[in-house]
Amino acid sequence: MTKRTNSEENWVIFFFVSTLVMYVIAGVQYGGRYLIKKWFPLKNEEFTDLCSISNISVLLFDDSLGGYYIHGRSPYGYTEISSEQLRRSLEQEAAGKG
């Protein structure tokens, strides 16, 4: 039995395998980034979450000519609450009641 060394390449299979490898690599990177972001959020994300929960409007600049405006909204029907009320509502939200 002789072995063929100069066989033709099947471009359809080559394209399929290459695309599959690229999708697997991208999926692993996307999933890993999602898990890292969920367990170890960035400091600016924690800050923006805190500002939105505590009803503070903030203007953040991440570039010399661009940025973000976070408009705080209070779920209480009025805009200002005491720190004690904020602490209680955060404890209720952590307990799953908020």
N, C-alpha and C. Protein backbone atom coordinates (compact mmCIF):
# COMPACT_ATOMS: atom_id res chain seq x y z
N MET A 1 0.84 -1.17 0.00
CA MET A 1 0.00 0.00 0.00
C MET A 1 0.89 1.24 0.00
N THR A 2 0.66 2.11 -0.93
CA THR A 2 1.45 3.33 -1.03
C THR A 2 0.67 4.49 -0.45
N LYS A 3 1.39 5.39 0.09
CA LYS A 3 0.79 6.57 0.70
C LYS A 3 0.83 7.73 -0.28
N ARG A 4 -0.29 8.42 -0.42
CA ARG A 4 -0.30 9.61 -1.29
C ARG A 4 0.18 10.81 -0.50
N THR A 5 1.13 11.49 -1.03
CA THR A 5 1.66 12.67 -0.34
C THR A 5 1.17 13.96 -0.96
N ASN A 6 0.77 13.93 -2.18
CA ASN A 6 0.34 15.15 -2.87
C ASN A 6 -1.16 15.15 -3.11
N SER A 7 -1.94 15.00 -2.05
CA SER A 7 -3.39 15.03 -2.21
C SER A 7 -3.87 16.47 -2.28
N GLU A 8 -5.00 16.64 -2.92
CA GLU A 8 -5.56 17.98 -3.05
C GLU A 8 -6.17 18.41 -1.71
N GLU A 9 -6.09 19.72 -1.45
CA GLU A 9 -6.70 20.25 -0.24
C GLU A 9 -8.18 20.49 -0.48
N ASN A 10 -8.97 20.16 0.50
CA ASN A 10 -10.40 20.43 0.42
C ASN A 10 -10.63 21.78 1.12
N TRP A 11 -10.91 22.81 0.34
CA TRP A 11 -11.02 24.16 0.87
C TRP A 11 -12.25 24.34 1.74
N VAL A 12 -13.28 23.58 1.51
CA VAL A 12 -14.49 23.68 2.33
C VAL A 12 -14.19 23.19 3.75
N ILE A 13 -13.53 22.05 3.86
CA ILE A 13 -13.17 21.54 5.18
C ILE A 13 -12.16 22.45 5.86
N PHE A 14 -11.19 22.95 5.09
CA PHE A 14 -10.20 23.87 5.65
C PHE A 14 -10.87 25.12 6.21
N PHE A 15 -11.84 25.68 5.45
CA PHE A 15 -12.56 26.86 5.91
C PHE A 15 -13.39 26.54 7.15
N PHE A 16 -14.06 25.41 7.16
CA PHE A 16 -14.88 25.00 8.30
C PHE A 16 -14.04 24.84 9.56
N VAL A 17 -12.93 24.15 9.47
CA VAL A 17 -12.08 23.93 10.64
C VAL A 17 -11.48 25.24 11.13
N SER A 18 -11.01 26.08 10.21
CA SER A 18 -10.44 27.38 10.60
C SER A 18 -11.47 28.26 11.29
N THR A 19 -12.67 28.30 10.74
CA THR A 19 -13.73 29.12 11.34
C THR A 19 -14.14 28.57 12.70
N LEU A 20 -14.22 27.26 12.81
CA LEU A 20 -14.58 26.64 14.08
C LEU A 20 -13.53 26.95 15.15
N VAL A 21 -12.27 26.89 14.80
CA VAL A 21 -11.20 27.20 15.76
C VAL A 21 -11.29 28.66 16.20
N MET A 22 -11.54 29.57 15.27
CA MET A 22 -11.64 30.99 15.62
C MET A 22 -12.85 31.25 16.54
N TYR A 23 -13.98 30.59 16.27
CA TYR A 23 -15.15 30.75 17.12
C TYR A 23 -14.92 30.19 18.52
N VAL A 24 -14.23 29.07 18.60
CA VAL A 24 -13.94 28.49 19.92
C VAL A 24 -13.02 29.41 20.71
N ILE A 25 -11.98 29.95 20.06
CA ILE A 25 -11.07 30.88 20.74
C ILE A 25 -11.83 32.12 21.21
N ALA A 26 -12.67 32.69 20.34
CA ALA A 26 -13.44 33.88 20.72
C ALA A 26 -14.41 33.58 21.84
N GLY A 27 -15.04 32.41 21.81
CA GLY A 27 -15.97 32.05 22.87
C GLY A 27 -15.29 31.88 24.21
N VAL A 28 -14.11 31.28 24.22
CA VAL A 28 -13.37 31.12 25.47
C VAL A 28 -12.95 32.48 26.01
N GLN A 29 -12.48 33.36 25.13
CA GLN A 29 -12.09 34.70 25.57
C GLN A 29 -13.29 35.49 26.10
N TYR A 30 -14.41 35.41 25.39
CA TYR A 30 -15.61 36.14 25.82
C TYR A 30 -16.12 35.61 27.15
N GLY A 31 -16.18 34.29 27.28
CA GLY A 31 -16.64 33.70 28.53
C GLY A 31 -15.71 34.00 29.69
N GLY A 32 -14.40 33.94 29.45
CA GLY A 32 -13.44 34.26 30.50
C GLY A 32 -13.54 35.71 30.94
N ARG A 33 -13.70 36.61 29.99
CA ARG A 33 -13.84 38.03 30.34
C ARG A 33 -15.12 38.29 31.12
N TYR A 34 -16.20 37.58 30.75
CA TYR A 34 -17.46 37.73 31.46
C TYR A 34 -17.31 37.29 32.91
N LEU A 35 -16.67 36.15 33.13
CA LEU A 35 -16.49 35.66 34.50
C LEU A 35 -15.58 36.57 35.31
N ILE A 36 -14.51 37.05 34.71
CA ILE A 36 -13.61 37.95 35.42
C ILE A 36 -14.33 39.24 35.78
N LYS A 37 -15.11 39.77 34.83
CA LYS A 37 -15.83 41.02 35.09
C LYS A 37 -16.90 40.85 36.15
N LYS A 38 -17.52 39.66 36.20
CA LYS A 38 -18.57 39.41 37.19
C LYS A 38 -17.99 39.31 38.60
N TRP A 39 -16.85 38.62 38.75
CA TRP A 39 -16.27 38.43 40.08
C TRP A 39 -15.33 39.55 40.50
N PHE A 40 -14.70 40.23 39.56
CA PHE A 40 -13.76 41.31 39.87
C PHE A 40 -14.09 42.53 39.02
N PRO A 41 -15.15 43.27 39.38
CA PRO A 41 -15.52 44.44 38.57
C PRO A 41 -14.46 45.54 38.69
N LEU A 42 -14.40 46.36 37.66
CA LEU A 42 -13.47 47.48 37.67
C LEU A 42 -13.93 48.53 38.67
N LYS A 43 -12.98 49.33 39.13
CA LYS A 43 -13.30 50.36 40.14
C LYS A 43 -14.29 51.39 39.61
N ASN A 44 -14.14 51.78 38.34
CA ASN A 44 -15.07 52.78 37.82
C ASN A 44 -16.48 52.21 37.67
N GLU A 45 -16.61 50.90 37.41
CA GLU A 45 -17.93 50.29 37.36
C GLU A 45 -18.58 50.26 38.74
N GLU A 46 -17.79 49.95 39.76
CA GLU A 46 -18.32 49.99 41.13
C GLU A 46 -18.76 51.40 41.49
N PHE A 47 -17.97 52.40 41.09
CA PHE A 47 -18.30 53.79 41.39
C PHE A 47 -19.59 54.21 40.70
N THR A 48 -19.74 53.85 39.42
CA THR A 48 -20.97 54.24 38.71
C THR A 48 -22.19 53.52 39.28
N ASP A 49 -22.03 52.27 39.71
CA ASP A 49 -23.14 51.58 40.36
C ASP A 49 -23.53 52.26 41.67
N LEU A 50 -22.53 52.64 42.44
CA LEU A 50 -22.79 53.33 43.70
C LEU A 50 -23.50 54.66 43.46
N CYS A 51 -23.06 55.41 42.46
CA CYS A 51 -23.68 56.70 42.17
C CYS A 51 -25.13 56.53 41.71
N SER A 52 -25.39 55.51 40.91
CA SER A 52 -26.77 55.33 40.45
C SER A 52 -27.68 54.86 41.58
N ILE A 53 -27.16 54.03 42.49
CA ILE A 53 -27.97 53.57 43.62
C ILE A 53 -28.23 54.70 44.61
N SER A 54 -27.21 55.51 44.87
CA SER A 54 -27.37 56.56 45.88
C SER A 54 -27.94 57.85 45.30
N ASN A 55 -28.39 57.81 44.04
CA ASN A 55 -29.08 58.94 43.41
C ASN A 55 -28.19 60.17 43.28
N ILE A 56 -26.99 59.96 42.81
CA ILE A 56 -26.06 61.06 42.57
C ILE A 56 -25.83 61.16 41.07
N SER A 57 -26.05 62.33 40.52
CA SER A 57 -25.78 62.54 39.10
C SER A 57 -24.30 62.89 38.95
N VAL A 58 -23.64 62.23 38.01
CA VAL A 58 -22.20 62.37 37.85
C VAL A 58 -21.88 62.55 36.37
N LEU A 59 -20.89 63.37 36.11
CA LEU A 59 -20.36 63.55 34.76
C LEU A 59 -18.94 63.01 34.77
N LEU A 60 -18.68 61.92 34.03
CA LEU A 60 -17.37 61.28 33.99
C LEU A 60 -16.75 61.49 32.62
N PHE A 61 -15.48 61.86 32.60
CA PHE A 61 -14.75 62.02 31.35
C PHE A 61 -13.70 60.94 31.24
N ASP A 62 -13.78 60.13 30.18
CA ASP A 62 -12.77 59.12 29.96
C ASP A 62 -11.82 59.50 28.83
N ASP A 63 -12.05 60.65 28.22
CA ASP A 63 -11.21 61.15 27.14
C ASP A 63 -11.21 62.66 27.24
N SER A 64 -10.36 63.30 26.48
CA SER A 64 -10.30 64.76 26.57
C SER A 64 -11.58 65.42 26.05
N LEU A 65 -12.26 64.77 25.12
CA LEU A 65 -13.48 65.35 24.55
C LEU A 65 -14.71 64.46 24.71
N GLY A 66 -14.64 63.42 25.50
CA GLY A 66 -15.78 62.52 25.62
C GLY A 66 -15.94 62.01 27.03
N GLY A 67 -17.14 61.59 27.33
CA GLY A 67 -17.41 61.06 28.65
C GLY A 67 -18.83 60.56 28.77
N TYR A 68 -19.25 60.35 30.01
CA TYR A 68 -20.56 59.80 30.29
C TYR A 68 -21.26 60.63 31.36
N TYR A 69 -22.57 60.69 31.24
CA TYR A 69 -23.38 61.34 32.26
C TYR A 69 -24.27 60.28 32.87
N ILE A 70 -24.17 60.12 34.18
CA ILE A 70 -24.99 59.16 34.91
C ILE A 70 -26.02 59.96 35.68
N HIS A 71 -27.26 59.72 35.35
CA HIS A 71 -28.34 60.43 36.04
C HIS A 71 -28.92 59.51 37.10
N GLY A 72 -28.75 59.88 38.35
CA GLY A 72 -29.26 59.06 39.44
C GLY A 72 -30.76 59.16 39.55
N ARG A 73 -31.39 58.01 39.74
CA ARG A 73 -32.84 57.97 39.92
C ARG A 73 -33.14 57.26 41.22
N SER A 74 -34.00 57.85 41.96
CA SER A 74 -34.37 57.27 43.24
C SER A 74 -35.65 56.46 43.11
N PRO A 75 -35.67 55.23 43.63
CA PRO A 75 -36.91 54.45 43.55
C PRO A 75 -37.91 54.82 44.64
N TYR A 76 -37.65 55.85 45.42
CA TYR A 76 -38.48 56.19 46.57
C TYR A 76 -39.57 57.21 46.26
N GLY A 77 -39.53 57.82 45.08
CA GLY A 77 -40.53 58.82 44.74
C GLY A 77 -40.07 60.23 45.07
N TYR A 78 -39.02 60.36 45.84
CA TYR A 78 -38.45 61.68 46.14
C TYR A 78 -36.94 61.54 45.99
N THR A 79 -36.28 62.67 45.81
CA THR A 79 -34.88 62.59 45.39
C THR A 79 -33.88 62.47 46.52
N GLU A 80 -34.16 62.99 47.67
CA GLU A 80 -33.17 62.97 48.73
C GLU A 80 -33.61 62.05 49.86
N ILE A 81 -32.71 61.18 50.29
CA ILE A 81 -32.98 60.32 51.43
C ILE A 81 -31.78 60.39 52.37
N SER A 82 -31.98 59.99 53.59
CA SER A 82 -30.88 60.01 54.55
C SER A 82 -29.98 58.80 54.32
N SER A 83 -28.79 58.87 54.89
CA SER A 83 -27.87 57.74 54.74
C SER A 83 -28.39 56.50 55.46
N GLU A 84 -29.15 56.70 56.52
CA GLU A 84 -29.74 55.56 57.22
C GLU A 84 -30.76 54.84 56.33
N GLN A 85 -31.61 55.60 55.65
CA GLN A 85 -32.57 54.99 54.74
C GLN A 85 -31.85 54.28 53.59
N LEU A 86 -30.78 54.89 53.09
CA LEU A 86 -30.00 54.28 52.02
C LEU A 86 -29.38 52.96 52.50
N ARG A 87 -28.83 52.94 53.72
CA ARG A 87 -28.22 51.73 54.26
C ARG A 87 -29.26 50.63 54.40
N ARG A 88 -30.44 50.98 54.92
CA ARG A 88 -31.50 49.97 55.08
C ARG A 88 -31.95 49.41 53.73
N SER A 89 -32.10 50.28 52.76
CA SER A 89 -32.54 49.80 51.44
C SER A 89 -31.47 48.94 50.77
N LEU A 90 -30.19 49.26 50.98
CA LEU A 90 -29.13 48.42 50.44
C LEU A 90 -29.08 47.06 51.13
N GLU A 91 -29.36 47.03 52.42
CA GLU A 91 -29.42 45.75 53.15
C GLU A 91 -30.60 44.91 52.66
N GLN A 92 -31.74 45.56 52.41
CA GLN A 92 -32.90 44.84 51.88
C GLN A 92 -32.61 44.30 50.49
N GLU A 93 -31.94 45.09 49.68
CA GLU A 93 -31.61 44.64 48.32
C GLU A 93 -30.62 43.48 48.37
N ALA A 94 -29.66 43.52 49.30
CA ALA A 94 -28.72 42.42 49.44
C ALA A 94 -29.41 41.15 49.91
N ALA A 95 -30.45 41.30 50.70
CA ALA A 95 -31.20 40.14 51.18
C ALA A 95 -32.20 39.63 50.14
N GLY A 96 -32.33 40.33 49.03
CA GLY A 96 -33.24 39.89 47.97
C GLY A 96 -34.65 40.41 48.12
N LYS A 97 -34.86 41.40 48.96
CA LYS A 97 -36.20 41.94 49.19
C LYS A 97 -36.43 43.26 48.47
N GLY A 98 -35.41 43.80 47.83
CA GLY A 98 -35.53 45.12 47.22
C GLY A 98 -35.98 45.12 45.81
